[in-house]
Amino acid sequence: MSIFAVMKRNIIYIVVMALLAVSLLSCGGRRGNSAVRSVYYWSTTLSIDSVKQQFMRRHNVSRMYLRYFDVVDGDDGMPVPNATLRFLTPVPKDVEVVPVVYIVNSCMAAADTSLAPKIYRRVRQMNETNGIGGVKEIQIDCDWTMRTRSVYFSFLRQLRSMAGADGIKLSATIRLHQLSQPAPPVDHGVLMMYNTGDFTDLACRKPILDMNDAAPYMPRLAGYGLPLSAAYPLYSWRILFRRGHYAGIMHADDDLPVLPGDSIVERRVEMADILKAKDAVSRKRADANSEIILFDMSNQNITRFKSEDYEKIYLR
């Protein structure tokens, strides 16, 4: 082989490798700018129909925070499970499941060292019964306060130790008002950018998400002592008021008796509010939008906006 042929071959090799390197760097950059796309599924029945399947495929949803059950006060005052999820369909195989347990704050009024193992055992049983494998994380949702913080944090430490022994991380939801408190002892937090106003007040027009209400909490976000993801709302409420006073949330037309003179108002979040909230989070804590979670994946919520609008939320 002539020296010119060798030189030509080497030049071609160098060019090909350079193009490959540029391609890899380019792809890496796109991955770095893309948020993990997740959803909450908050219902008593799991039914992944064609509408949900299409949404998850179209928007590359890779993680589902799935409410397994609630923990409420029983008749004897002891915590008991309630509203356990029924699996009517399987979860898509390429979607990671994060089991979520909602605990009412009153269950944290007194210490109960049996609660953490009971919850952990129940979650594991539900995983096994319903073929949910490869669980890497469990999440606890609780609207804890300063009064219940000590008991709640002790509960989390116990549960985190149990889950950690099996290689499972523990996360917790973080409400805006909780940003003023010490961070809970978990591996990760999910910032709930919703329920910012008082839905029981007829004069409160945007109780689901209003950055005017959320703004006072935002300065605490930058220094908050947990890795964070961010969750944004898609849902709406139909609220019954009687003589100007809150009477209840109507999940169906026959949920509550409607009397002459009553008023039913709909409170909903608009896309502009969601994007404004996302931008506010990015300015204070950009890494929180490295995973974006939509609450929640009901058919009504995932068909209300245009597909490109959901993409605007998911794109970092």
C-alpha atoms as a PDB file:
ATOM      1  CA  MET A   1       0.000   0.000   0.000  1.00  0.00           C
ATOM      2  CA  SER A   2       1.371   3.412  -0.997  1.00  0.00           C
ATOM      3  CA  ILE A   3       2.063   6.141   1.530  1.00  0.00           C
ATOM      4  CA  PHE A   4      -0.704   8.217  -0.078  1.00  0.00           C
ATOM      5  CA  ALA A   5      -3.237   5.437   0.438  1.00  0.00           C
ATOM      6  CA  VAL A   6      -2.223   5.116   4.093  1.00  0.00           C
ATOM      7  CA  MET A   7      -2.525   8.883   4.586  1.00  0.00           C
ATOM      8  CA  LYS A   8      -5.936   8.900   2.917  1.00  0.00           C
ATOM      9  CA  ARG A   9      -7.145   6.064   5.133  1.00  0.00           C
ATOM     10  CA  ASN A  10      -5.905   7.836   8.257  1.00  0.00           C
ATOM     11  CA  ILE A  11      -7.573  11.095   7.249  1.00  0.00           C
ATOM     12  CA  ILE A  12     -10.872   9.326   6.656  1.00  0.00           C
ATOM     13  CA  TYR A  13     -10.581   7.619  10.061  1.00  0.00           C
ATOM     14  CA  ILE A  14      -9.877  10.928  11.812  1.00  0.00           C
ATOM     15  CA  VAL A  15     -12.817  12.638  10.099  1.00  0.00           C
ATOM     16  CA  VAL A  16     -15.197   9.801  10.967  1.00  0.00           C
ATOM     17  CA  MET A  17     -14.098   9.775  14.624  1.00  0.00           C
ATOM     18  CA  ALA A  18     -14.425  13.555  14.828  1.00  0.00           C
ATOM     19  CA  LEU A  19     -17.950  13.435  13.446  1.00  0.00           C
ATOM     20  CA  LEU A  20     -18.829  10.651  15.882  1.00  0.00           C
ATOM     21  CA  ALA A  21     -17.487  12.671  18.809  1.00  0.00           C
ATOM     22  CA  VAL A  22     -19.493  15.720  17.757  1.00  0.00           C
ATOM     23  CA  SER A  23     -22.605  13.563  17.446  1.00  0.00           C
ATOM     24  CA  LEU A  24     -22.131  12.102  20.914  1.00  0.00           C
ATOM     25  CA  LEU A  25     -21.539  15.504  22.450  1.00  0.00           C
ATOM     26  CA  SER A  26     -24.624  16.842  20.717  1.00  0.00           C
ATOM     27  CA  CYS A  27     -26.774  13.997  21.980  1.00  0.00           C
ATOM     28  CA  GLY A  28     -25.343  14.377  25.452  1.00  0.00           C
ATOM     29  CA  GLY A  29     -26.256  18.031  25.421  1.00  0.00           C
ATOM     30  CA  ARG A  30     -29.835  17.251  24.496  1.00  0.00           C
ATOM     31  CA  ARG A  31     -30.085  14.701  27.273  1.00  0.00           C
ATOM     32  CA  GLY A  32     -28.696  17.209  29.738  1.00  0.00           C
ATOM     33  CA  ASN A  33     -31.367  19.756  28.776  1.00  0.00           C
ATOM     34  CA  SER A  34     -34.263  17.310  28.923  1.00  0.00           C
ATOM     35  CA  ALA A  35     -36.229  16.816  32.127  1.00  0.00           C
ATOM     36  CA  VAL A  36     -37.319  13.421  33.381  1.00  0.00           C
ATOM     37  CA  ARG A  37     -41.000  13.318  32.406  1.00  0.00           C
ATOM     38  CA  SER A  38     -43.285  11.975  35.093  1.00  0.00           C
ATOM     39  CA  VAL A  39     -46.926  11.884  36.152  1.00  0.00           C
ATOM     40  CA  TYR A  40     -48.908  11.353  39.317  1.00  0.00           C
ATOM     41  CA  TYR A  41     -51.743   8.837  39.120  1.00  0.00           C
ATOM     42  CA  TRP A  42     -54.176   9.619  41.936  1.00  0.00           C
ATOM     43  CA  SER A  43     -57.216   7.370  41.915  1.00  0.00           C
ATOM     44  CA  THR A  44     -58.664   4.300  43.591  1.00  0.00           C
ATOM     45  CA  THR A  45     -58.489   2.274  40.354  1.00  0.00           C
ATOM     46  CA  LEU A  46     -55.586   1.895  37.943  1.00  0.00           C
ATOM     47  CA  SER A  47     -56.886   1.828  34.386  1.00  0.00           C
ATOM     48  CA  ILE A  48     -54.357   2.695  31.686  1.00  0.00           C
ATOM     49  CA  ASP A  49     -56.663   3.092  28.696  1.00  0.00           C
ATOM     50  CA  SER A  50     -55.744   4.158  25.161  1.00  0.00           C
ATOM     51  CA  VAL A  51     -55.974   7.877  26.017  1.00  0.00           C
ATOM     52  CA  LYS A  52     -53.413   7.535  28.797  1.00  0.00           C
ATOM     53  CA  GLN A  53     -51.208   5.232  26.737  1.00  0.00           C
ATOM     54  CA  GLN A  54     -51.151   7.738  23.896  1.00  0.00           C
ATOM     55  CA  PHE A  55     -50.293  10.605  26.264  1.00  0.00           C
ATOM     56  CA  MET A  56     -47.437   8.664  27.843  1.00  0.00           C
ATOM     57  CA  ARG A  57     -45.989   7.628  24.487  1.00  0.00           C
ATOM     58  CA  ARG A  58     -46.364  11.049  22.886  1.00  0.00           C
ATOM     59  CA  HIS A  59     -44.680  12.837  25.787  1.00  0.00           C
ATOM     60  CA  ASN A  60     -42.122  10.140  26.653  1.00  0.00           C
ATOM     61  CA  VAL A  61     -43.351   9.714  30.217  1.00  0.00           C
ATOM     62  CA  SER A  62     -40.899   7.412  31.980  1.00  0.00           C
ATOM     63  CA  ARG A  63     -42.030   7.523  35.621  1.00  0.00           C
ATOM     64  CA  MET A  64     -45.391   7.208  37.344  1.00  0.00           C
ATOM     65  CA  TYR A  65     -45.975   8.198  40.958  1.00  0.00           C
ATOM     66  CA  LEU A  66     -48.797   5.827  41.791  1.00  0.00           C
ATOM     67  CA  ARG A  67     -50.953   6.375  44.880  1.00  0.00           C
ATOM     68  CA  TYR A  68     -51.248   2.973  46.569  1.00  0.00           C
ATOM     69  CA  PHE A  69     -53.399   3.845  49.587  1.00  0.00           C
ATOM     70  CA  ASP A  70     -54.124   6.450  52.245  1.00  0.00           C
ATOM     71  CA  VAL A  71     -53.468   6.165  55.959  1.00  0.00           C
ATOM     72  CA  VAL A  72     -56.245   7.660  58.099  1.00  0.00           C
ATOM     73  CA  ASP A  73     -57.438   7.567  61.704  1.00  0.00           C
ATOM     74  CA  GLY A  74     -59.458   4.437  62.449  1.00  0.00           C
ATOM     75  CA  ASP A  75     -62.466   4.218  64.739  1.00  0.00           C
ATOM     76  CA  ASP A  76     -60.136   3.400  67.629  1.00  0.00           C
ATOM     77  CA  GLY A  77     -57.881   6.350  66.831  1.00  0.00           C
ATOM     78  CA  MET A  78     -55.128   4.151  65.392  1.00  0.00           C
ATOM     79  CA  PRO A  79     -53.839   4.635  61.816  1.00  0.00           C
ATOM     80  CA  VAL A  80     -55.433   2.317  59.253  1.00  0.00           C
ATOM     81  CA  PRO A  81     -55.170   1.967  55.449  1.00  0.00           C
ATOM     82  CA  ASN A  82     -57.972   3.412  53.349  1.00  0.00           C
ATOM     83  CA  ALA A  83     -58.934   3.758  49.664  1.00  0.00           C
ATOM     84  CA  THR A  84     -56.476   1.109  48.484  1.00  0.00           C
ATOM     85  CA  LEU A  85     -55.713   1.159  44.763  1.00  0.00           C
ATOM     86  CA  ARG A  86     -57.244  -1.602  42.631  1.00  0.00           C
ATOM     87  CA  PHE A  87     -55.189  -2.625  39.597  1.00  0.00           C
ATOM     88  CA  LEU A  88     -57.547  -3.076  36.639  1.00  0.00           C
ATOM     89  CA  THR A  89     -54.760  -2.920  34.050  1.00  0.00           C
ATOM     90  CA  PRO A  90     -50.992  -3.362  34.258  1.00  0.00           C
ATOM     91  CA  VAL A  91     -48.555  -0.476  34.225  1.00  0.00           C
ATOM     92  CA  PRO A  92     -46.709  -0.069  30.888  1.00  0.00           C
ATOM     93  CA  LYS A  93     -43.509  -2.113  31.061  1.00  0.00           C
ATOM     94  CA  ASP A  94     -41.203   0.783  30.180  1.00  0.00           C
ATOM     95  CA  VAL A  95     -42.538   3.056  32.951  1.00  0.00           C
ATOM     96  CA  GLU A  96     -40.949   3.139  36.406  1.00  0.00           C
ATOM     97  CA  VAL A  97     -43.443   2.994  39.271  1.00  0.00           C
ATOM     98  CA  VAL A  98     -42.959   4.968  42.483  1.00  0.00           C
ATOM     99  CA  PRO A  99     -45.521   3.824  45.084  1.00  0.00           C
ATOM    100  CA  VAL A 100     -47.005   6.764  47.011  1.00  0.00           C
ATOM    101  CA  VAL A 101     -48.722   6.607  50.386  1.00  0.00           C
ATOM    102  CA  TYR A 102     -50.770   9.573  51.586  1.00  0.00           C
ATOM    103  CA  ILE A 103     -50.903   9.986  55.370  1.00  0.00           C
ATOM    104  CA  VAL A 104     -53.332  12.393  57.014  1.00  0.00           C
ATOM    105  CA  ASN A 105     -51.547  14.741  59.375  1.00  0.00           C
ATOM    106  CA  SER A 106     -53.586  13.677  62.412  1.00  0.00           C
ATOM    107  CA  CYS A 107     -51.952  10.234  62.220  1.00  0.00           C
ATOM    108  CA  MET A 108     -48.720  11.953  63.256  1.00  0.00           C
ATOM    109  CA  ALA A 109     -50.168  13.389  66.458  1.00  0.00           C
ATOM    110  CA  ALA A 110     -48.587  10.596  68.524  1.00  0.00           C
ATOM    111  CA  ALA A 111     -45.611   8.318  67.938  1.00  0.00           C
ATOM    112  CA  ASP A 112     -46.359   4.809  66.680  1.00  0.00           C
ATOM    113  CA  THR A 113     -43.267   2.754  65.870  1.00  0.00           C
ATOM    114  CA  SER A 114     -45.401   0.022  64.278  1.00  0.00           C
ATOM    115  CA  LEU A 115     -46.636   2.312  61.479  1.00  0.00           C
ATOM    116  CA  ALA A 116     -43.495   2.351  59.317  1.00  0.00           C
ATOM    117  CA  PRO A 117     -43.123  -1.458  59.118  1.00  0.00           C
ATOM    118  CA  LYS A 118     -46.854  -1.843  58.460  1.00  0.00           C
ATOM    119  CA  ILE A 119     -46.733   0.608  55.560  1.00  0.00           C
ATOM    120  CA  TYR A 120     -43.548  -0.878  54.128  1.00  0.00           C
ATOM    121  CA  ARG A 121     -44.920  -4.416  54.337  1.00  0.00           C
ATOM    122  CA  ARG A 122     -48.191  -3.381  52.675  1.00  0.00           C
ATOM    123  CA  VAL A 123     -46.390  -1.610  49.815  1.00  0.00           C
ATOM    124  CA  ARG A 124     -44.202  -4.667  49.196  1.00  0.00           C
ATOM    125  CA  GLN A 125     -47.244  -6.957  49.229  1.00  0.00           C
ATOM    126  CA  MET A 126     -49.017  -4.761  46.676  1.00  0.00           C
ATOM    127  CA  ASN A 127     -45.920  -4.773  44.486  1.00  0.00           C
ATOM    128  CA  GLU A 128     -45.728  -8.562  44.556  1.00  0.00           C
ATOM    129  CA  THR A 129     -49.468  -9.115  44.081  1.00  0.00           C
ATOM    130  CA  ASN A 130     -49.671  -6.804  41.073  1.00  0.00           C
ATOM    131  CA  GLY A 131     -46.384  -7.641  39.371  1.00  0.00           C
ATOM    132  CA  ILE A 132     -44.703  -4.308  40.076  1.00  0.00           C
ATOM    133  CA  GLY A 133     -40.998  -5.082  39.958  1.00  0.00           C
ATOM    134  CA  GLY A 134     -37.852  -3.018  40.103  1.00  0.00           C
ATOM    135  CA  VAL A 135     -39.195  -0.434  42.556  1.00  0.00           C
ATOM    136  CA  LYS A 136     -36.381   2.008  43.359  1.00  0.00           C
ATOM    137  CA  GLU A 137     -38.273   4.569  45.416  1.00  0.00           C
ATOM    138  CA  ILE A 138     -41.240   4.937  47.755  1.00  0.00           C
ATOM    139  CA  GLN A 139     -42.863   8.307  48.417  1.00  0.00           C
ATOM    140  CA  ILE A 140     -44.748   9.602  51.450  1.00  0.00           C
ATOM    141  CA  ASP A 141     -47.236  12.454  51.098  1.00  0.00           C
ATOM    142  CA  CYS A 142     -48.251  14.251  54.292  1.00  0.00           C
ATOM    143  CA  ASP A 143     -49.299  17.811  55.080  1.00  0.00           C
ATOM    144  CA  TRP A 144     -47.227  17.843  58.268  1.00  0.00           C
ATOM    145  CA  THR A 145     -46.876  20.917  60.437  1.00  0.00           C
ATOM    146  CA  MET A 146     -44.532  22.191  63.126  1.00  0.00           C
ATOM    147  CA  ARG A 147     -46.679  20.429  65.724  1.00  0.00           C
ATOM    148  CA  THR A 148     -46.378  16.991  64.066  1.00  0.00           C
ATOM    149  CA  ARG A 149     -42.870  17.417  62.651  1.00  0.00           C
ATOM    150  CA  SER A 150     -41.011  15.481  65.336  1.00  0.00           C
ATOM    151  CA  VAL A 151     -43.208  12.374  65.089  1.00  0.00           C
ATOM    152  CA  TYR A 152     -43.318  12.558  61.289  1.00  0.00           C
ATOM    153  CA  PHE A 153     -39.545  12.870  60.958  1.00  0.00           C
ATOM    154  CA  SER A 154     -39.008   9.917  63.314  1.00  0.00           C
ATOM    155  CA  PHE A 155     -41.419   7.877  61.205  1.00  0.00           C
ATOM    156  CA  LEU A 156     -39.513   8.828  58.038  1.00  0.00           C
ATOM    157  CA  ARG A 157     -36.151   7.866  59.545  1.00  0.00           C
ATOM    158  CA  GLN A 158     -37.516   4.453  60.472  1.00  0.00           C
ATOM    159  CA  LEU A 159     -39.084   3.888  57.055  1.00  0.00           C
ATOM    160  CA  ARG A 160     -35.999   5.156  55.235  1.00  0.00           C
ATOM    161  CA  SER A 161     -33.814   2.706  57.140  1.00  0.00           C
ATOM    162  CA  MET A 162     -36.077  -0.212  56.247  1.00  0.00           C
ATOM    163  CA  ALA A 163     -36.342   0.737  52.575  1.00  0.00           C
ATOM    164  CA  GLY A 164     -32.640   1.531  52.337  1.00  0.00           C
ATOM    165  CA  ALA A 165     -31.760  -1.971  53.529  1.00  0.00           C
ATOM    166  CA  ASP A 166     -33.470  -3.216  50.345  1.00  0.00           C
ATOM    167  CA  GLY A 167     -31.806  -0.607  48.132  1.00  0.00           C
ATOM    168  CA  ILE A 168     -34.950   1.538  47.900  1.00  0.00           C
ATOM    169  CA  LYS A 169     -34.838   5.310  48.335  1.00  0.00           C
ATOM    170  CA  LEU A 170     -37.442   7.333  50.203  1.00  0.00           C
ATOM    171  CA  SER A 171     -38.904  10.604  48.959  1.00  0.00           C
ATOM    172  CA  ALA A 172     -41.498  12.979  50.370  1.00  0.00           C
ATOM    173  CA  THR A 173     -43.742  15.706  49.041  1.00  0.00           C
ATOM    174  CA  ILE A 174     -42.846  19.262  50.059  1.00  0.00           C
ATOM    175  CA  ARG A 175     -45.625  21.829  50.274  1.00  0.00           C
ATOM    176  CA  LEU A 176     -44.795  25.501  49.942  1.00  0.00           C
ATOM    177  CA  HIS A 177     -45.537  26.270  53.586  1.00  0.00           C
ATOM    178  CA  GLN A 178     -43.153  23.477  54.614  1.00  0.00           C
ATOM    179  CA  LEU A 179     -40.188  25.255  53.000  1.00  0.00           C
ATOM    180  CA  SER A 180     -39.851  27.337  56.166  1.00  0.00           C
ATOM    181  CA  GLN A 181     -39.253  24.168  58.225  1.00  0.00           C
ATOM    182  CA  PRO A 182     -36.179  21.907  58.288  1.00  0.00           C
ATOM    183  CA  ALA A 183     -36.079  19.441  55.396  1.00  0.00           C
ATOM    184  CA  PRO A 184     -37.433  15.977  56.234  1.00  0.00           C
ATOM    185  CA  PRO A 185     -34.946  13.082  56.559  1.00  0.00           C
ATOM    186  CA  VAL A 186     -35.480  11.571  53.108  1.00  0.00           C
ATOM    187  CA  ASP A 187     -33.402  11.106  49.962  1.00  0.00           C
ATOM    188  CA  HIS A 188     -35.430  13.380  47.721  1.00  0.00           C
ATOM    189  CA  GLY A 189     -38.303  15.842  47.810  1.00  0.00           C
ATOM    190  CA  VAL A 190     -41.062  16.763  45.362  1.00  0.00           C
ATOM    191  CA  LEU A 191     -42.072  20.421  45.481  1.00  0.00           C
ATOM    192  CA  MET A 192     -45.847  20.731  45.131  1.00  0.00           C
ATOM    193  CA  MET A 193     -46.512  23.863  43.084  1.00  0.00           C
ATOM    194  CA  TYR A 194     -50.262  23.791  43.687  1.00  0.00           C
ATOM    195  CA  ASN A 195     -52.970  24.328  46.296  1.00  0.00           C
ATOM    196  CA  THR A 196     -51.602  27.821  46.824  1.00  0.00           C
ATOM    197  CA  GLY A 197     -54.888  29.470  47.843  1.00  0.00           C
ATOM    198  CA  ASP A 198     -57.956  28.878  49.989  1.00  0.00           C
ATOM    199  CA  PHE A 199     -60.500  26.955  47.912  1.00  0.00           C
ATOM    200  CA  THR A 200     -63.112  27.368  50.665  1.00  0.00           C
ATOM    201  CA  ASP A 201     -63.138  31.135  50.098  1.00  0.00           C
ATOM    202  CA  LEU A 202     -65.572  32.174  47.365  1.00  0.00           C
ATOM    203  CA  ALA A 203     -63.488  35.294  46.721  1.00  0.00           C
ATOM    204  CA  CYS A 204     -60.350  33.235  45.971  1.00  0.00           C
ATOM    205  CA  ARG A 205     -60.500  32.882  42.185  1.00  0.00           C
ATOM    206  CA  LYS A 206     -57.281  30.900  41.677  1.00  0.00           C
ATOM    207  CA  PRO A 207     -56.867  28.555  44.645  1.00  0.00           C
ATOM    208  CA  ILE A 208     -55.063  25.842  42.674  1.00  0.00           C
ATOM    209  CA  LEU A 209     -52.130  27.947  41.486  1.00  0.00           C
ATOM    210  CA  ASP A 210     -51.570  31.664  41.821  1.00  0.00           C
ATOM    211  CA  MET A 211     -47.985  32.892  41.852  1.00  0.00           C
ATOM    212  CA  ASN A 212     -49.092  35.942  43.822  1.00  0.00           C
ATOM    213  CA  ASP A 213     -49.816  33.532  46.676  1.00  0.00           C
ATOM    214  CA  ALA A 214     -46.751  31.360  46.037  1.00  0.00           C
ATOM    215  CA  ALA A 215     -44.235  34.210  45.653  1.00  0.00           C
ATOM    216  CA  PRO A 216     -43.585  34.772  49.396  1.00  0.00           C
ATOM    217  CA  TYR A 217     -42.348  31.175  49.732  1.00  0.00           C
ATOM    218  CA  MET A 218     -40.010  31.180  46.730  1.00  0.00           C
ATOM    219  CA  PRO A 219     -36.960  32.871  48.357  1.00  0.00           C
ATOM    220  CA  ARG A 220     -36.587  29.806  50.624  1.00  0.00           C
ATOM    221  CA  LEU A 221     -36.333  27.472  47.656  1.00  0.00           C
ATOM    222  CA  ALA A 222     -32.708  28.136  46.678  1.00  0.00           C
ATOM    223  CA  GLY A 223     -31.282  27.087  50.032  1.00  0.00           C
ATOM    224  CA  TYR A 224     -33.654  24.226  50.783  1.00  0.00           C
ATOM    225  CA  GLY A 225     -31.687  21.242  52.034  1.00  0.00           C
ATOM    226  CA  LEU A 226     -32.959  18.479  49.760  1.00  0.00           C
ATOM    227  CA  PRO A 227     -32.580  17.459  46.117  1.00  0.00           C
ATOM    228  CA  LEU A 228     -35.905  18.413  44.542  1.00  0.00           C
ATOM    229  CA  SER A 229     -38.217  17.617  41.661  1.00  0.00           C
ATOM    230  CA  ALA A 230     -41.177  19.852  40.810  1.00  0.00           C
ATOM    231  CA  ALA A 231     -44.843  18.915  40.408  1.00  0.00           C
ATOM    232  CA  TYR A 232     -47.328  21.123  38.543  1.00  0.00           C
ATOM    233  CA  PRO A 233     -51.150  20.905  38.485  1.00  0.00           C
ATOM    234  CA  LEU A 234     -53.492  20.023  35.640  1.00  0.00           C
ATOM    235  CA  TYR A 235     -56.673  19.494  37.641  1.00  0.00           C
ATOM    236  CA  SER A 236     -59.781  21.545  38.298  1.00  0.00           C
ATOM    237  CA  TRP A 237     -62.377  21.689  41.071  1.00  0.00           C
ATOM    238  CA  ARG A 238     -66.147  22.110  41.088  1.00  0.00           C
ATOM    239  CA  ILE A 239     -66.964  23.691  44.440  1.00  0.00           C
ATOM    240  CA  LEU A 240     -70.388  24.082  46.025  1.00  0.00           C
ATOM    241  CA  PHE A 241     -71.101  27.252  48.003  1.00  0.00           C
ATOM    242  CA  ARG A 242     -74.232  27.815  50.087  1.00  0.00           C
ATOM    243  CA  ARG A 243     -75.094  31.368  51.109  1.00  0.00           C
ATOM    244  CA  GLY A 244     -71.561  32.310  50.165  1.00  0.00           C
ATOM    245  CA  HIS A 245     -70.007  29.661  52.402  1.00  0.00           C
ATOM    246  CA  TYR A 246     -68.075  26.563  51.349  1.00  0.00           C
ATOM    247  CA  ALA A 247     -70.213  23.402  51.300  1.00  0.00           C
ATOM    248  CA  GLY A 248     -67.922  20.884  49.594  1.00  0.00           C
ATOM    249  CA  ILE A 249     -66.121  19.739  46.449  1.00  0.00           C
ATOM    250  CA  MET A 250     -68.317  18.039  43.868  1.00  0.00           C
ATOM    251  CA  HIS A 251     -66.576  15.117  42.180  1.00  0.00           C
ATOM    252  CA  ALA A 252     -69.875  14.169  40.509  1.00  0.00           C
ATOM    253  CA  ASP A 253     -73.205  15.928  39.991  1.00  0.00           C
ATOM    254  CA  ASP A 254     -74.898  13.893  42.721  1.00  0.00           C
ATOM    255  CA  ASP A 255     -72.090  14.132  45.291  1.00  0.00           C
ATOM    256  CA  LEU A 256     -73.877  16.783  47.334  1.00  0.00           C
ATOM    257  CA  PRO A 257     -77.460  18.064  47.491  1.00  0.00           C
ATOM    258  CA  VAL A 258     -77.829  21.333  45.576  1.00  0.00           C
ATOM    259  CA  LEU A 259     -80.454  23.636  47.066  1.00  0.00           C
ATOM    260  CA  PRO A 260     -82.121  26.696  45.542  1.00  0.00           C
ATOM    261  CA  GLY A 261     -79.737  29.619  45.809  1.00  0.00           C
ATOM    262  CA  ASP A 262     -76.608  27.443  45.942  1.00  0.00           C
ATOM    263  CA  SER A 263     -73.789  28.182  43.530  1.00  0.00           C
ATOM    264  CA  ILE A 264     -71.324  25.797  41.899  1.00  0.00           C
ATOM    265  CA  VAL A 265     -68.079  27.393  40.768  1.00  0.00           C
ATOM    266  CA  GLU A 266     -65.292  25.819  38.753  1.00  0.00           C
ATOM    267  CA  ARG A 267     -61.710  26.558  39.695  1.00  0.00           C
ATOM    268  CA  ARG A 268     -59.125  25.552  37.131  1.00  0.00           C
ATOM    269  CA  VAL A 269     -55.489  26.181  36.413  1.00  0.00           C
ATOM    270  CA  GLU A 270     -54.488  27.820  33.141  1.00  0.00           C
ATOM    271  CA  MET A 271     -51.426  27.012  31.054  1.00  0.00           C
ATOM    272  CA  ALA A 272     -50.046  30.518  31.561  1.00  0.00           C
ATOM    273  CA  ASP A 273     -50.119  29.971  35.336  1.00  0.00           C
ATOM    274  CA  ILE A 274     -48.283  26.653  35.048  1.00  0.00           C
ATOM    275  CA  LEU A 275     -45.546  28.080  32.832  1.00  0.00           C
ATOM    276  CA  LYS A 276     -45.192  31.110  35.091  1.00  0.00           C
ATOM    277  CA  ALA A 277     -44.728  28.817  38.091  1.00  0.00           C
ATOM    278  CA  LYS A 278     -42.214  26.682  36.235  1.00  0.00           C
ATOM    279  CA  ASP A 279     -40.220  29.777  35.303  1.00  0.00           C
ATOM    280  CA  ALA A 280     -40.283  30.985  38.921  1.00  0.00           C
ATOM    281  CA  VAL A 281     -38.934  27.632  40.128  1.00  0.00           C
ATOM    282  CA  SER A 282     -36.183  27.684  37.490  1.00  0.00           C
ATOM    283  CA  ARG A 283     -35.034  31.124  38.587  1.00  0.00           C
ATOM    284  CA  LYS A 284     -34.712  30.067  42.233  1.00  0.00           C
ATOM    285  CA  ARG A 285     -33.784  26.392  41.911  1.00  0.00           C
ATOM    286  CA  ALA A 286     -33.123  25.280  38.321  1.00  0.00           C
ATOM    287  CA  ASP A 287     -32.287  21.699  39.303  1.00  0.00           C
ATOM    288  CA  ALA A 288     -35.824  21.218  40.653  1.00  0.00           C
ATOM    289  CA  ASN A 289     -37.042  21.127  37.055  1.00  0.00           C
ATOM    290  CA  SER A 290     -34.669  18.279  36.189  1.00  0.00           C
ATOM    291  CA  GLU A 291     -37.740  16.122  36.798  1.00  0.00           C
ATOM    292  CA  ILE A 292     -41.169  17.532  36.023  1.00  0.00           C
ATOM    293  CA  ILE A 293     -44.252  15.758  37.337  1.00  0.00           C
ATOM    294  CA  LEU A 294     -47.809  16.504  36.229  1.00  0.00           C
ATOM    295  CA  PHE A 295     -50.657  16.113  38.719  1.00  0.00           C
ATOM    296  CA  ASP A 296     -52.470  14.139  37.758  1.00  0.00           C
ATOM    297  CA  MET A 297     -52.996  11.774  34.836  1.00  0.00           C
ATOM    298  CA  SER A 298     -56.772  11.591  34.488  1.00  0.00           C
ATOM    299  CA  ASN A 299     -58.256  11.619  30.992  1.00  0.00           C
ATOM    300  CA  GLN A 300     -59.839  15.005  31.602  1.00  0.00           C
ATOM    301  CA  ASN A 301     -56.547  16.532  32.698  1.00  0.00           C
ATOM    302  CA  ILE A 302     -54.424  15.153  29.869  1.00  0.00           C
ATOM    303  CA  THR A 303     -56.809  16.150  27.067  1.00  0.00           C
ATOM    304  CA  ARG A 304     -57.702  19.658  28.220  1.00  0.00           C
ATOM    305  CA  PHE A 305     -54.688  21.368  26.640  1.00  0.00           C
ATOM    306  CA  LYS A 306     -53.026  20.948  23.266  1.00  0.00           C
ATOM    307  CA  SER A 307     -50.187  18.447  22.958  1.00  0.00           C
ATOM    308  CA  GLU A 308     -47.672  21.229  22.354  1.00  0.00           C
ATOM    309  CA  ASP A 309     -48.735  22.894  25.619  1.00  0.00           C
ATOM    310  CA  TYR A 310     -47.876  19.795  27.642  1.00  0.00           C
ATOM    311  CA  GLU A 311     -44.526  19.790  25.850  1.00  0.00           C
ATOM    312  CA  LYS A 312     -43.931  23.358  27.022  1.00  0.00           C
ATOM    313  CA  ILE A 313     -44.279  22.181  30.606  1.00  0.00           C
ATOM    314  CA  TYR A 314     -41.983  19.212  30.169  1.00  0.00           C
ATOM    315  CA  LEU A 315     -39.199  21.005  28.295  1.00  0.00           C
ATOM    316  CA  ARG A 316     -36.551  22.477  30.596  1.00  0.00           C
END
